[in-house]
Amino acid sequence: GSGKTDKAYLWVYRSQADAPHPIVVFDYAPDRKGIHPQNFLGDWKGILQTDDYGGYDALYRKEQVTEAGCWAHVRRHFYDVEQR
């Protein structure tokens, strides 16, 4: 009605590809606050592959989630070093 656009975010969670019943879950959130993945994952334990967004930091500090970084984002840093 008002002609304005609202921003919203989907946090995406995917099981391992070799899981017996692989799944993908899209969790809607009105913003990018780190509380959303914390609430969604709760006491879950495992490996979480993400970009370097700070919203995940609290999960890694709990030490029940192991961080697996995103190669697509780190490659930029390799490129920058190579250009020097």
Protein backbone atom coordinates (compact mmCIF):
# COMPACT_ATOMS: atom_id res chain seq x y z
CA GLY A 1 0.00 0.00 0.00
CA SER A 2 2.52 2.71 0.98
CA GLY A 3 4.93 2.00 -1.88
CA LYS A 4 7.81 1.48 0.57
CA THR A 5 9.91 -1.66 0.65
CA ASP A 6 10.76 -3.43 3.90
CA LYS A 7 13.96 -5.39 4.34
CA ALA A 8 13.78 -8.89 5.72
CA TYR A 9 16.29 -11.71 6.02
CA LEU A 10 16.27 -15.46 5.60
CA TRP A 11 18.72 -17.44 7.67
CA VAL A 12 19.37 -20.69 5.83
CA TYR A 13 20.24 -23.95 7.56
CA ARG A 14 21.11 -27.13 5.68
CA SER A 15 21.95 -30.59 6.92
CA GLN A 16 24.98 -32.41 5.59
CA ALA A 17 24.47 -33.64 2.05
CA ASP A 18 25.05 -37.25 3.15
CA ALA A 19 22.50 -37.07 5.99
CA PRO A 20 19.91 -39.87 5.89
CA HIS A 21 17.19 -37.25 5.29
CA PRO A 22 18.87 -34.03 4.06
CA ILE A 23 16.90 -30.86 4.73
CA VAL A 24 17.08 -27.13 4.10
CA VAL A 25 15.30 -24.70 6.44
CA PHE A 26 14.69 -21.01 5.76
CA ASP A 27 14.09 -19.01 8.94
CA TYR A 28 12.59 -15.53 8.44
CA ALA A 29 13.86 -12.60 10.52
CA PRO A 30 13.18 -8.87 10.31
CA ASP A 31 16.90 -8.05 10.76
CA ARG A 32 20.42 -9.56 10.81
CA LYS A 33 20.85 -9.69 14.58
CA GLY A 34 22.85 -12.68 15.79
CA ILE A 35 20.10 -13.59 18.23
CA HIS A 36 18.15 -15.23 15.39
CA PRO A 37 20.58 -18.09 14.68
CA GLN A 38 21.18 -18.43 18.44
CA ASN A 39 17.47 -18.88 19.09
CA PHE A 40 16.93 -21.17 16.12
CA LEU A 41 19.86 -23.48 16.83
CA GLY A 42 19.40 -23.50 20.60
CA ASP A 43 21.49 -26.32 22.12
CA TRP A 44 22.41 -27.84 18.75
CA LYS A 45 26.00 -29.06 18.47
CA GLY A 46 27.93 -29.45 15.26
CA ILE A 47 29.83 -27.70 12.49
CA LEU A 48 28.45 -24.45 11.10
CA GLN A 49 29.77 -23.10 7.81
CA THR A 50 29.16 -19.38 7.44
CA ASP A 51 30.64 -16.25 6.02
CA ASP A 52 32.48 -14.04 8.49
CA TYR A 53 29.36 -12.18 9.62
CA GLY A 54 29.70 -11.21 13.30
CA GLY A 55 26.16 -12.36 14.06
CA TYR A 56 27.47 -15.90 14.44
CA ASP A 57 30.23 -15.05 16.94
CA ALA A 58 28.14 -15.78 20.04
CA LEU A 59 27.49 -19.31 18.74
CA TYR A 60 31.20 -19.98 18.33
CA ARG A 61 31.99 -18.64 21.81
CA LYS A 62 29.65 -21.26 23.33
CA GLU A 63 32.11 -23.87 22.01
CA GLN A 64 29.31 -26.27 21.12
CA VAL A 65 29.46 -25.07 17.52
CA THR A 66 32.61 -25.47 15.44
CA GLU A 67 33.20 -22.76 12.86
CA ALA A 68 33.88 -23.76 9.26
CA GLY A 69 34.65 -20.63 7.29
CA CYS A 70 33.50 -19.80 3.79
CA TRP A 71 36.14 -20.15 1.06
CA ALA A 72 34.23 -17.84 -1.27
CA HIS A 73 34.84 -14.97 1.13
CA VAL A 74 38.41 -15.77 2.15
CA ARG A 75 39.62 -15.97 -1.45
CA ARG A 76 39.36 -12.16 -1.63
CA HIS A 77 42.10 -11.93 0.98
CA PHE A 78 44.35 -14.30 -1.00
CA TYR A 79 43.83 -12.11 -4.05
CA ASP A 80 44.71 -8.94 -2.08
CA VAL A 81 47.95 -10.50 -0.81
CA GLU A 82 48.89 -11.65 -4.33
CA GLN A 83 48.44 -8.08 -5.65
CA ARG A 84 51.04 -6.64 -3.25
